[in-house]
Each structure stands twice: as C-alpha cells, then as structure tokens.
Amino acid sequence: MLAAPLGPKRTLALDPGFRTGCKVACLDEQGNLLNYTTIYPHPPQSRVLESAEIIQDLVAKYKIQAIAIGNGTASRETDDFIRKAVAPLSSPLRGEAYVAEVPPLEGFRRLWIFSS
C-alpha cells in the first residue's frame, strides 16, 4: 500500500506556486530527502532562467529519473516551465524525457520520466 508507484526512482518533486514560488524536493530511490529549495519561475518574481538552471543542475547532480508536479495553483504554468527546462537534458545518451499522465495518483498533475 505504501510502495512507490514508480518503483525505486530518484525523483524531483515540485509543489507549484506563484507568489511564494515553487517548492522543489529531490528524493533518492528510498524517498530520503537529498535537497530542498524554492524556485521562482512565475510572476511576480519571474526568475525563469535562474529557475531553469537550478532544475537542470539538480537533475544532473542527483541523477533524477522522474519529475512529479503537484496539481495545485500554478500547476499548468509549472508544467510548461518544466517542459522547457528539461528539453536540453534529453539526449541520445540519456534518453528522452516524456510525460506520463497519472490520474490514479491523487494530487499530481504530471509525472515526467527519463527513459534510458
């Protein structure tokens, strides 16, 4: 019942937000916290480039295999932002990043998975 729905994968989880920013947590395969930060890709701060660099650095540093985005306020905008931020990370060596719709997982808008 408490098993990870994707199995053991390194995950970057985002809790979207406008004014207070998007909370970002990196988790290892067992769900242990590796890193926690806040990015501000949306108005009023609109620090898009800085936020994209942070996401790209975290994905590379922690060898992230999946990205989960919450379905609350700013989830659509965060989904668009992540789509653009992870595009440079797809390569023939790493595999493609693709979107998996996850209706059975309550509370999530999207789940990005890096295939190898």
C-alpha atoms as a PDB file:
ATOM      1  CA  MET A   1       0.000   0.000   0.000  1.00  0.00           C
ATOM      2  CA  LEU A   2       2.840   2.407   0.743  1.00  0.00           C
ATOM      3  CA  ALA A   3       5.019   1.249  -2.143  1.00  0.00           C
ATOM      4  CA  ALA A   4       6.301   3.897  -4.538  1.00  0.00           C
ATOM      5  CA  PRO A   5       4.036   3.929  -7.625  1.00  0.00           C
ATOM      6  CA  LEU A   6       7.038   4.108  -9.995  1.00  0.00           C
ATOM      7  CA  GLY A   7       9.220   1.747  -8.071  1.00  0.00           C
ATOM      8  CA  PRO A   8      12.598   2.937  -6.796  1.00  0.00           C
ATOM      9  CA  LYS A   9      13.436   6.080  -8.819  1.00  0.00           C
ATOM     10  CA  ARG A  10      15.278   9.265  -7.970  1.00  0.00           C
ATOM     11  CA  THR A  11      12.551  11.902  -8.087  1.00  0.00           C
ATOM     12  CA  LEU A  12      12.368  15.671  -8.242  1.00  0.00           C
ATOM     13  CA  ALA A  13       9.018  16.800  -6.815  1.00  0.00           C
ATOM     14  CA  LEU A  14       7.562  20.275  -7.331  1.00  0.00           C
ATOM     15  CA  ASP A  15       4.841  21.999  -5.346  1.00  0.00           C
ATOM     16  CA  PRO A  16       3.792  24.804  -7.741  1.00  0.00           C
ATOM     17  CA  GLY A  17       3.102  28.353  -6.634  1.00  0.00           C
ATOM     18  CA  PHE A  18       3.117  31.934  -7.892  1.00  0.00           C
ATOM     19  CA  ARG A  19       3.829  34.441  -5.112  1.00  0.00           C
ATOM     20  CA  THR A  20       5.644  32.048  -2.764  1.00  0.00           C
ATOM     21  CA  GLY A  21       7.478  30.213  -5.560  1.00  0.00           C
ATOM     22  CA  CYS A  22       7.656  26.527  -6.407  1.00  0.00           C
ATOM     23  CA  LYS A  23       8.991  24.272  -3.675  1.00  0.00           C
ATOM     24  CA  VAL A  24      11.412  21.680  -5.061  1.00  0.00           C
ATOM     25  CA  ALA A  25      12.488  18.475  -3.311  1.00  0.00           C
ATOM     26  CA  CYS A  26      14.927  15.855  -4.600  1.00  0.00           C
ATOM     27  CA  LEU A  27      14.419  12.340  -3.245  1.00  0.00           C
ATOM     28  CA  ASP A  28      16.523   9.202  -3.585  1.00  0.00           C
ATOM     29  CA  GLU A  29      15.154   5.777  -4.503  1.00  0.00           C
ATOM     30  CA  GLN A  30      14.047   5.151  -0.908  1.00  0.00           C
ATOM     31  CA  GLY A  31      12.325   8.538  -0.553  1.00  0.00           C
ATOM     32  CA  ASN A  32      15.074  10.141   1.528  1.00  0.00           C
ATOM     33  CA  LEU A  33      15.434  13.906   1.081  1.00  0.00           C
ATOM     34  CA  LEU A  34      18.552  14.845  -0.901  1.00  0.00           C
ATOM     35  CA  ASN A  35      17.860  18.548  -1.469  1.00  0.00           C
ATOM     36  CA  TYR A  36      15.147  21.140  -0.887  1.00  0.00           C
ATOM     37  CA  THR A  37      14.911  24.593  -2.436  1.00  0.00           C
ATOM     38  CA  THR A  38      12.455  27.134  -3.789  1.00  0.00           C
ATOM     39  CA  ILE A  39      12.447  28.488  -7.342  1.00  0.00           C
ATOM     40  CA  TYR A  40      10.539  31.467  -8.761  1.00  0.00           C
ATOM     41  CA  PRO A  41       9.773  30.854 -12.448  1.00  0.00           C
ATOM     42  CA  HIS A  42       6.400  32.658 -12.395  1.00  0.00           C
ATOM     43  CA  PRO A  43       5.174  36.221 -11.738  1.00  0.00           C
ATOM     44  CA  PRO A  44       5.646  38.294  -9.712  1.00  0.00           C
ATOM     45  CA  GLN A  45       9.358  37.291  -9.468  1.00  0.00           C
ATOM     46  CA  SER A  46       9.644  35.665 -12.947  1.00  0.00           C
ATOM     47  CA  ARG A  47      13.199  34.381 -12.442  1.00  0.00           C
ATOM     48  CA  VAL A  48      12.808  31.920 -15.319  1.00  0.00           C
ATOM     49  CA  LEU A  49      16.440  31.473 -16.412  1.00  0.00           C
ATOM     50  CA  GLU A  50      17.718  31.123 -12.857  1.00  0.00           C
ATOM     51  CA  SER A  51      14.957  28.607 -12.073  1.00  0.00           C
ATOM     52  CA  ALA A  52      15.706  26.566 -15.217  1.00  0.00           C
ATOM     53  CA  GLU A  53      19.401  26.430 -14.320  1.00  0.00           C
ATOM     54  CA  ILE A  54      18.550  25.222 -10.818  1.00  0.00           C
ATOM     55  CA  ILE A  55      16.297  22.452 -12.182  1.00  0.00           C
ATOM     56  CA  GLN A  56      18.908  21.365 -14.739  1.00  0.00           C
ATOM     57  CA  ASP A  57      21.647  21.334 -12.081  1.00  0.00           C
ATOM     58  CA  LEU A  58      19.518  19.283  -9.664  1.00  0.00           C
ATOM     59  CA  VAL A  59      18.560  16.760 -12.358  1.00  0.00           C
ATOM     60  CA  ALA A  60      22.223  16.288 -13.271  1.00  0.00           C
ATOM     61  CA  LYS A  61      23.640  16.346  -9.721  1.00  0.00           C
ATOM     62  CA  TYR A  62      21.180  13.834  -8.259  1.00  0.00           C
ATOM     63  CA  LYS A  63      20.697  11.756 -11.441  1.00  0.00           C
ATOM     64  CA  ILE A  64      16.946  12.401 -11.359  1.00  0.00           C
ATOM     65  CA  GLN A  65      14.827   9.764 -13.116  1.00  0.00           C
ATOM     66  CA  ALA A  66      11.346  11.259 -12.656  1.00  0.00           C
ATOM     67  CA  ILE A  67       9.800  14.680 -12.055  1.00  0.00           C
ATOM     68  CA  ALA A  68       6.440  14.965 -10.303  1.00  0.00           C
ATOM     69  CA  ILE A  69       4.388  18.181 -10.388  1.00  0.00           C
ATOM     70  CA  GLY A  70       1.582  18.839  -7.924  1.00  0.00           C
ATOM     71  CA  ASN A  71      -1.820  19.824  -9.282  1.00  0.00           C
ATOM     72  CA  GLY A  72      -2.453  22.968  -7.225  1.00  0.00           C
ATOM     73  CA  THR A  73      -2.130  26.660  -8.030  1.00  0.00           C
ATOM     74  CA  ALA A  74       0.283  27.326 -10.935  1.00  0.00           C
ATOM     75  CA  SER A  75       0.440  23.648 -11.916  1.00  0.00           C
ATOM     76  CA  ARG A  76      -0.219  24.356 -15.615  1.00  0.00           C
ATOM     77  CA  GLU A  77       2.402  27.087 -15.702  1.00  0.00           C
ATOM     78  CA  THR A  78       4.890  24.906 -13.842  1.00  0.00           C
ATOM     79  CA  ASP A  79       4.246  22.051 -16.257  1.00  0.00           C
ATOM     80  CA  ASP A  80       5.027  24.381 -19.190  1.00  0.00           C
ATOM     81  CA  PHE A  81       8.138  25.667 -17.414  1.00  0.00           C
ATOM     82  CA  ILE A  82       9.437  22.134 -16.704  1.00  0.00           C
ATOM     83  CA  ARG A  83       8.759  21.081 -20.302  1.00  0.00           C
ATOM     84  CA  LYS A  84      11.136  23.854 -21.459  1.00  0.00           C
ATOM     85  CA  ALA A  85      13.654  23.418 -18.637  1.00  0.00           C
ATOM     86  CA  VAL A  86      14.212  19.682 -19.178  1.00  0.00           C
ATOM     87  CA  ALA A  87      14.241  19.807 -23.005  1.00  0.00           C
ATOM     88  CA  PRO A  88      18.028  20.450 -23.106  1.00  0.00           C
ATOM     89  CA  LEU A  89      18.567  17.394 -20.884  1.00  0.00           C
ATOM     90  CA  SER A  90      17.188  14.904 -23.410  1.00  0.00           C
ATOM     91  CA  SER A  91      19.917  13.339 -25.497  1.00  0.00           C
ATOM     92  CA  PRO A  92      20.647  10.084 -27.308  1.00  0.00           C
ATOM     93  CA  LEU A  93      22.877   9.072 -24.382  1.00  0.00           C
ATOM     94  CA  ARG A  94      20.403   9.896 -21.622  1.00  0.00           C
ATOM     95  CA  GLY A  95      17.182   9.047 -23.409  1.00  0.00           C
ATOM     96  CA  GLU A  96      14.105  11.168 -23.872  1.00  0.00           C
ATOM     97  CA  ALA A  97      12.046  12.852 -21.217  1.00  0.00           C
ATOM     98  CA  TYR A  98       8.404  12.047 -21.709  1.00  0.00           C
ATOM     99  CA  VAL A  99       5.202  12.860 -19.894  1.00  0.00           C
ATOM    100  CA  ALA A 100       3.148  10.190 -18.224  1.00  0.00           C
ATOM    101  CA  GLU A 101      -0.383  11.165 -17.228  1.00  0.00           C
ATOM    102  CA  VAL A 102      -1.068   9.861 -13.746  1.00  0.00           C
ATOM    103  CA  PRO A 103      -4.787  10.125 -12.970  1.00  0.00           C
ATOM    104  CA  PRO A 104      -4.614   7.330 -10.359  1.00  0.00           C
ATOM    105  CA  LEU A 105      -2.137   9.335  -8.269  1.00  0.00           C
ATOM    106  CA  GLU A 106      -4.273  11.875  -6.467  1.00  0.00           C
ATOM    107  CA  GLY A 107      -2.635  15.270  -6.131  1.00  0.00           C
ATOM    108  CA  PHE A 108      -0.310  15.130  -9.133  1.00  0.00           C
ATOM    109  CA  ARG A 109      -0.734  16.992 -12.393  1.00  0.00           C
ATOM    110  CA  ARG A 110       2.088  15.374 -14.364  1.00  0.00           C
ATOM    111  CA  LEU A 111       4.881  12.949 -13.977  1.00  0.00           C
ATOM    112  CA  TRP A 112       7.968  13.330 -16.179  1.00  0.00           C
ATOM    113  CA  ILE A 113      10.048  10.199 -16.627  1.00  0.00           C
ATOM    114  CA  PHE A 114      13.542  10.000 -18.104  1.00  0.00           C
ATOM    115  CA  SER A 115      13.867   6.806 -20.094  1.00  0.00           C
ATOM    116  CA  SER A 116      17.274   5.322 -20.727  1.00  0.00           C
END
